[in-house]
Protein backbone atom coordinates (compact mmCIF):
# COMPACT_ATOMS: atom_id res chain seq x y z
CA MET A 1 -111.75 35.95 -65.58
CA ILE A 2 -109.83 32.56 -64.30
CA THR A 3 -110.15 29.59 -66.25
CA ALA A 4 -110.82 25.70 -64.99
CA GLU A 5 -107.08 25.12 -65.88
CA ALA A 6 -106.42 28.02 -64.01
CA ALA A 7 -108.16 26.83 -60.76
CA VAL A 8 -107.02 23.74 -60.77
CA GLU A 9 -103.35 24.89 -61.04
CA SER A 10 -104.36 27.02 -57.69
CA PRO A 11 -102.93 26.62 -55.08
CA ILE A 12 -106.01 27.84 -53.05
CA PRO A 13 -108.68 24.95 -52.84
CA THR A 14 -111.78 24.26 -54.43
CA ALA A 15 -115.54 24.86 -52.12
CA ALA A 16 -115.15 20.94 -52.83
CA GLU A 17 -112.42 19.94 -52.33
CA ALA A 18 -112.24 23.08 -48.68
CA GLU A 19 -115.39 20.73 -47.64
CA ALA A 20 -114.02 17.06 -48.52
CA ALA A 21 -111.43 18.33 -46.12
CA THR A 22 -112.97 19.24 -43.20
CA GLY A 23 -115.62 16.58 -42.90
CA ALA A 24 -118.23 18.95 -43.48
CA ARG A 25 -120.36 17.98 -47.09
CA GLY A 26 -123.54 17.39 -46.26
CA SER A 27 -123.58 17.17 -43.11
CA PRO A 28 -125.80 20.73 -41.36
CA GLU A 29 -125.40 19.39 -37.72
CA LEU A 30 -121.39 19.97 -38.07
CA GLU A 31 -119.86 23.33 -37.47
CA GLU A 32 -118.32 25.89 -39.70
CA PRO A 33 -115.29 24.81 -40.58
CA ALA A 34 -111.99 27.71 -40.26
CA TRP A 35 -112.11 29.37 -42.97
CA PRO A 36 -108.96 29.01 -45.17
CA TRP A 37 -108.13 31.96 -46.68
CA LYS A 38 -109.14 34.23 -43.06
CA ASP A 39 -105.52 35.69 -43.45
CA ALA A 40 -105.68 35.31 -47.06
CA PRO A 41 -104.30 38.60 -48.90
CA ILE A 42 -107.32 40.65 -50.82
CA ARG A 43 -106.11 39.80 -54.80
CA ALA A 44 -105.54 36.01 -52.94
CA LEU A 45 -109.42 36.61 -51.66
CA VAL A 46 -110.90 38.25 -55.14
CA GLN A 47 -108.72 35.40 -57.32
CA ARG A 48 -110.91 33.23 -54.84
CA ILE A 49 -114.04 34.43 -55.69
CA HIS A 50 -113.15 34.20 -59.66
CA GLN A 51 -112.65 30.53 -59.50
CA LEU A 52 -116.10 30.30 -57.19
CA GLN A 53 -117.72 31.49 -60.54
CA ALA A 54 -116.09 28.78 -62.53
CA GLU A 55 -117.54 25.68 -60.65
CA ARG A 56 -121.01 28.02 -60.78
CA ALA A 57 -120.00 27.93 -64.36
CA GLN A 58 -119.37 24.47 -64.91
CA ALA A 59 -122.14 23.90 -62.38
CA PHE A 60 -124.74 25.76 -65.21
CA ARG A 61 -122.97 23.26 -67.87
CA ARG A 62 -123.45 19.57 -66.27
CA LEU A 63 -126.89 20.62 -65.45
CA GLU A 64 -127.80 20.71 -69.80
CA GLU A 65 -125.82 18.55 -69.99
CA THR A 66 -125.23 15.33 -68.35
CA PRO A 67 -122.65 12.08 -70.02
CA THR A 68 -124.73 10.42 -70.90
CA CYS A 69 -127.44 12.54 -73.46
CA ARG A 70 -125.95 15.72 -74.88
CA ARG A 71 -128.23 18.56 -72.58
CA GLY A 72 -129.68 17.59 -69.51
CA HIS A 73 -132.50 19.29 -68.86
CA ARG A 74 -133.63 18.90 -72.80
CA GLN A 75 -132.81 15.96 -72.71
CA TYR A 76 -135.28 15.62 -69.44
CA LEU A 77 -138.25 16.40 -71.05
CA HIS A 78 -138.61 15.24 -74.07
CA SER A 79 -137.88 11.60 -72.15
CA GLY A 80 -141.95 11.23 -71.52
CA PRO A 81 -144.45 11.30 -70.71
CA PRO A 82 -142.20 8.40 -68.36
CA TYR A 83 -139.62 10.95 -68.07
CA ASP A 84 -136.52 10.18 -66.38
CA PHE A 85 -137.26 11.88 -63.55
CA PRO A 86 -134.31 10.47 -61.02
CA ARG A 87 -130.90 11.00 -63.69
CA TYR A 88 -132.31 14.49 -63.50
CA ARG A 89 -133.20 14.88 -60.02
CA SER A 90 -129.39 13.63 -59.04
CA LYS A 91 -128.72 15.85 -61.97
CA VAL A 92 -130.31 18.96 -60.42
CA HIS A 93 -129.42 18.17 -56.65
CA GLU A 94 -125.28 17.37 -57.22
CA VAL A 95 -125.55 21.24 -59.31
CA THR A 96 -127.62 22.69 -55.58
CA GLN A 97 -125.08 20.96 -53.70
CA VAL A 98 -121.90 22.96 -56.06
CA PHE A 99 -124.61 26.05 -56.04
CA ALA A 100 -124.85 26.22 -51.45
CA ALA A 101 -121.36 25.23 -51.07
CA ALA A 102 -119.68 28.01 -53.63
CA SER A 103 -122.31 30.24 -51.59
CA ARG A 104 -121.14 29.81 -48.15
CA GLU A 105 -117.69 30.92 -49.70
CA VAL A 106 -119.61 34.43 -51.09
CA LEU A 107 -120.76 35.03 -48.36
CA ALA A 108 -117.84 34.27 -46.00
CA VAL A 109 -115.89 36.45 -48.89
CA GLU A 110 -118.26 39.43 -48.90
CA ALA A 111 -118.03 39.15 -44.42
CA GLU A 112 -114.69 39.12 -44.15
CA LEU A 113 -114.16 42.18 -45.99
CA ALA A 114 -116.97 43.88 -45.33
CA GLY A 115 -115.70 43.36 -41.34
CA PRO A 116 -111.76 42.76 -40.03
CA ARG A 117 -110.86 44.39 -43.71
CA ALA A 118 -112.91 46.77 -43.65
CA GLN A 119 -113.58 47.07 -47.28
CA PRO A 120 -116.99 48.43 -48.11
CA LEU A 121 -116.57 48.68 -51.75
CA LEU A 122 -115.29 44.83 -52.54
CA ALA A 123 -117.81 43.97 -50.33
CA GLY A 124 -120.27 45.67 -52.28
CA HIS A 125 -119.07 44.05 -55.46
CA VAL A 126 -119.70 40.22 -53.78
CA ARG A 127 -122.75 41.26 -52.91
CA ASN A 128 -124.11 41.60 -57.05
CA LEU A 129 -122.53 38.96 -57.37
CA GLN A 130 -124.47 37.20 -54.91
CA GLN A 131 -127.92 38.97 -56.23
CA LEU A 132 -126.69 38.25 -59.50
CA GLU A 133 -125.92 34.84 -59.05
CA GLN A 134 -129.65 34.73 -57.52
CA THR A 135 -131.53 36.10 -60.11
CA ARG A 136 -129.30 34.14 -63.26
CA LEU A 137 -130.60 30.53 -61.59
CA ALA A 138 -133.80 31.27 -60.55
CA THR A 139 -134.57 32.55 -64.15
CA VAL A 140 -132.73 29.29 -65.59
CA ALA A 141 -135.13 27.35 -63.65
CA LEU A 142 -138.09 29.97 -64.92
CA LEU A 143 -137.28 29.29 -68.47
CA GLN A 144 -136.77 25.06 -67.50
CA LEU A 145 -140.26 25.54 -66.65
CA MET A 146 -141.09 27.12 -69.37
CA GLU A 147 -140.16 24.22 -71.87
CA ALA A 148 -142.24 22.10 -70.57
CA PRO A 149 -144.53 20.65 -73.39
CA GLU A 150 -147.41 20.59 -71.13
CA LEU A 151 -146.81 24.13 -70.05
CA THR A 152 -145.72 25.70 -73.69
CA ARG A 153 -148.90 27.69 -74.88
CA LYS A 154 -148.07 29.95 -78.24
CA GLU A 155 -148.15 33.25 -76.16
CA ASP A 156 -145.51 32.59 -73.95
CA THR A 157 -143.19 32.75 -76.98
CA LEU A 158 -142.82 36.13 -75.51
CA GLN A 159 -142.39 35.70 -71.88
CA ARG A 160 -139.73 33.09 -72.86
CA HIS A 161 -137.96 36.47 -74.79
CA GLN A 162 -138.23 38.11 -72.19
CA LEU A 163 -136.76 36.08 -69.50
CA LYS A 164 -133.80 35.31 -72.28
CA MET A 165 -133.16 38.52 -72.30
CA LYS A 166 -133.28 39.42 -69.12
CA LEU A 167 -130.51 36.16 -68.48
CA ILE A 168 -128.23 37.63 -71.41
CA LYS A 169 -128.34 41.09 -69.29
CA THR A 170 -127.80 39.38 -65.49
CA MET A 171 -124.86 37.24 -67.67
CA GLU A 172 -123.37 40.71 -68.56
CA ALA A 173 -123.81 42.08 -65.32
CA ILE A 174 -121.81 39.52 -63.55
CA SER A 175 -118.57 40.13 -66.09
CA GLU A 176 -119.52 43.57 -65.51
CA VAL A 177 -119.37 43.22 -61.65
CA LEU A 178 -116.23 40.89 -61.33
CA GLN A 179 -114.00 43.51 -63.67
CA ASP A 180 -115.25 45.48 -61.53
CA LEU A 181 -114.06 43.73 -58.60
CA ARG A 182 -110.87 42.06 -60.25
CA PHE A 183 -109.72 46.44 -60.40
CA ASP A 184 -110.96 47.84 -57.57
CA ALA A 185 -109.00 44.98 -55.45
CA GLU A 186 -106.19 46.62 -57.68
CA PHE A 187 -106.36 49.69 -54.95
CA PRO A 188 -107.80 48.70 -51.64
CA GLU A 189 -109.34 51.42 -49.70
């Protein structure tokens, strides 16, 4: 897995850097920028997927931890009522932007692998990764909702445990897909 430090040292720009360079951030009416990795070797595409995963992991951490409070979501829940919703909404918006940029780029890599590169196995791994990330995000959102004091019931303990187990299994599956992607990229079809 690519660490945050390795991602910083990489010559491949992050999703945010690529959007900033093209001025496309926050402008859905603008045409999608030219994809800078169109002629990149498959190995570089796989490295980019790992970098995007590192960005997603950082975004999850930012959702939970903010500079002003120890645990973002839990701090929000314990701040009220009345809740400090504007701060939490701002943090969720930031994280959503990171996820959206990463997802667009992952989908572009999948399309490149499935189409011009004729690498259906690698494209399948990338598609699977994207689906697992969607499951992870939805599961985290459900867990956060269930932590709201107004919604917490003793009967929900089993459901929360099941969701936590689902989250753990999803994260394990993400790791396995990333390993498969890296291995299969070493010997492309």
